[in-house]
């Protein structure tokens, strides 16, 4: 994903780019609010988001 899309994605789920990077690197677990924002905005299954 290019940086513009990452910026838009992080804004749409309510986290900073730094937090998004840490989530991607498994340094930080997403909050319930972040998981719900991903589900609501991008229709990603909650169970898939939690368990892969």
N, C-alpha and C. Protein backbone atom coordinates (compact mmCIF):
# COMPACT_ATOMS: atom_id res chain seq x y z
N UNK A 1 0.86 -1.17 0.00
CA UNK A 1 0.00 0.00 0.00
C UNK A 1 0.90 1.22 0.00
N UNK A 2 0.57 2.22 -0.82
CA UNK A 2 1.42 3.40 -0.82
C UNK A 2 1.09 4.30 0.37
N UNK A 3 1.97 5.27 0.64
CA UNK A 3 1.84 6.06 1.87
C UNK A 3 0.55 6.87 1.92
N UNK A 4 0.07 7.37 0.78
CA UNK A 4 -1.18 8.13 0.78
C UNK A 4 -2.34 7.24 1.21
N UNK A 5 -2.37 6.03 0.70
CA UNK A 5 -3.44 5.11 1.07
C UNK A 5 -3.33 4.72 2.54
N UNK A 6 -2.11 4.56 3.05
CA UNK A 6 -1.94 4.25 4.47
C UNK A 6 -2.42 5.40 5.35
N UNK A 7 -2.15 6.62 4.92
CA UNK A 7 -2.62 7.79 5.66
C UNK A 7 -4.14 7.79 5.71
N UNK A 8 -4.76 7.58 4.56
CA UNK A 8 -6.22 7.55 4.50
C UNK A 8 -6.79 6.40 5.34
N UNK A 9 -6.16 5.24 5.25
CA UNK A 9 -6.63 4.09 6.02
C UNK A 9 -6.52 4.37 7.51
N UNK A 10 -5.37 4.87 7.95
CA UNK A 10 -5.20 5.12 9.39
C UNK A 10 -6.20 6.16 9.88
N UNK A 11 -6.44 7.19 9.09
CA UNK A 11 -7.43 8.21 9.48
C UNK A 11 -8.83 7.61 9.56
N UNK A 12 -9.16 6.75 8.61
CA UNK A 12 -10.52 6.20 8.57
C UNK A 12 -10.81 5.26 9.74
N UNK A 13 -9.76 4.68 10.33
CA UNK A 13 -9.98 3.80 11.49
C UNK A 13 -9.61 4.48 12.80
N UNK A 14 -9.19 5.74 12.72
CA UNK A 14 -8.98 6.53 13.93
C UNK A 14 -7.69 6.28 14.67
N UNK A 15 -6.63 5.87 13.94
CA UNK A 15 -5.33 5.68 14.58
C UNK A 15 -4.27 6.47 13.81
N UNK A 16 -3.15 6.72 14.46
CA UNK A 16 -2.06 7.41 13.79
C UNK A 16 -1.30 6.44 12.90
N UNK A 17 -0.50 6.97 12.00
CA UNK A 17 0.32 6.12 11.14
C UNK A 17 1.29 5.30 11.98
N UNK A 18 1.81 5.89 13.04
CA UNK A 18 2.73 5.18 13.92
C UNK A 18 2.06 3.99 14.60
N UNK A 19 0.85 4.20 15.08
CA UNK A 19 0.10 3.11 15.71
C UNK A 19 -0.20 2.02 14.70
N UNK A 20 -0.61 2.41 13.49
CA UNK A 20 -0.89 1.43 12.45
C UNK A 20 0.36 0.61 12.16
N UNK A 21 1.50 1.24 12.09
CA UNK A 21 2.75 0.53 11.85
C UNK A 21 3.03 -0.47 12.98
N UNK A 22 2.81 -0.06 14.22
CA UNK A 22 3.04 -0.95 15.36
C UNK A 22 2.07 -2.12 15.36
N UNK A 23 0.83 -1.89 14.94
CA UNK A 23 -0.13 -2.98 14.83
C UNK A 23 0.35 -3.97 13.78
N UNK A 24 0.80 -3.46 12.65
CA UNK A 24 1.28 -4.33 11.56
C UNK A 24 2.49 -5.16 12.00
N UNK A 25 3.30 -4.61 12.89
CA UNK A 25 4.51 -5.29 13.35
C UNK A 25 4.26 -6.12 14.61
N UNK A 26 3.01 -6.25 15.01
CA UNK A 26 2.62 -6.99 16.21
C UNK A 26 3.25 -6.46 17.48
N UNK A 27 3.54 -5.16 17.51
CA UNK A 27 4.07 -4.52 18.71
C UNK A 27 2.93 -3.96 19.57
N UNK A 28 1.76 -3.86 18.96
CA UNK A 28 0.61 -3.25 19.61
C UNK A 28 -0.63 -3.97 19.12
N UNK A 29 -1.56 -4.24 20.02
CA UNK A 29 -2.81 -4.88 19.63
C UNK A 29 -3.86 -3.81 19.41
N UNK A 30 -4.67 -3.95 18.36
CA UNK A 30 -5.69 -2.94 18.11
C UNK A 30 -6.77 -2.98 19.19
N UNK A 31 -7.29 -1.81 19.47
CA UNK A 31 -8.39 -1.72 20.45
C UNK A 31 -9.68 -2.25 19.82
N UNK A 32 -10.65 -2.46 20.67
CA UNK A 32 -11.97 -2.87 20.20
C UNK A 32 -12.52 -1.83 19.23
N UNK A 33 -12.30 -0.56 19.53
CA UNK A 33 -12.79 0.51 18.67
C UNK A 33 -12.13 0.46 17.30
N UNK A 34 -10.83 0.14 17.25
CA UNK A 34 -10.12 0.04 15.98
C UNK A 34 -10.63 -1.14 15.16
N UNK A 35 -10.83 -2.26 15.82
CA UNK A 35 -11.35 -3.45 15.13
C UNK A 35 -12.75 -3.16 14.58
N UNK A 36 -13.57 -2.50 15.36
CA UNK A 36 -14.92 -2.16 14.89
C UNK A 36 -14.87 -1.16 13.74
N UNK A 37 -13.95 -0.22 13.77
CA UNK A 37 -13.81 0.75 12.68
C UNK A 37 -13.40 0.05 11.39
N UNK A 38 -12.50 -0.92 11.48
CA UNK A 38 -12.09 -1.68 10.29
C UNK A 38 -13.29 -2.47 9.77
N UNK A 39 -14.03 -3.07 10.66
CA UNK A 39 -15.22 -3.84 10.27
C UNK A 39 -16.26 -2.93 9.60
N UNK A 40 -16.53 -1.80 10.21
CA UNK A 40 -17.56 -0.89 9.71
C UNK A 40 -17.17 -0.26 8.38
N UNK A 41 -15.93 0.22 8.29
CA UNK A 41 -15.51 0.97 7.10
C UNK A 41 -15.09 0.09 5.93
N UNK A 42 -14.61 -1.12 6.22
CA UNK A 42 -14.05 -1.96 5.16
C UNK A 42 -14.69 -3.35 5.09
N UNK A 43 -15.71 -3.59 5.92
CA UNK A 43 -16.47 -4.84 5.90
C UNK A 43 -15.59 -6.07 6.08
N UNK A 44 -14.59 -5.94 6.97
CA UNK A 44 -13.71 -7.06 7.29
C UNK A 44 -14.34 -7.83 8.45
N UNK A 45 -14.42 -9.14 8.29
CA UNK A 45 -15.00 -9.99 9.32
C UNK A 45 -14.25 -9.83 10.64
N UNK A 46 -14.98 -9.63 11.71
CA UNK A 46 -14.36 -9.42 13.02
C UNK A 46 -13.55 -10.63 13.45
N UNK A 47 -14.08 -11.84 13.28
CA UNK A 47 -13.33 -13.03 13.67
C UNK A 47 -12.04 -13.15 12.87
N UNK A 48 -12.08 -12.84 11.58
CA UNK A 48 -10.86 -12.90 10.78
C UNK A 48 -9.86 -11.88 11.29
N UNK A 49 -10.36 -10.71 11.65
CA UNK A 49 -9.48 -9.64 12.16
C UNK A 49 -8.82 -10.06 13.46
N UNK A 50 -9.53 -10.81 14.29
CA UNK A 50 -8.98 -11.23 15.57
C UNK A 50 -8.09 -12.47 15.47
N UNK A 51 -8.48 -13.42 14.63
CA UNK A 51 -7.80 -14.72 14.63
C UNK A 51 -7.08 -15.07 13.34
N UNK A 52 -7.24 -14.22 12.32
CA UNK A 52 -6.54 -14.45 11.05
C UNK A 52 -7.15 -15.45 10.14
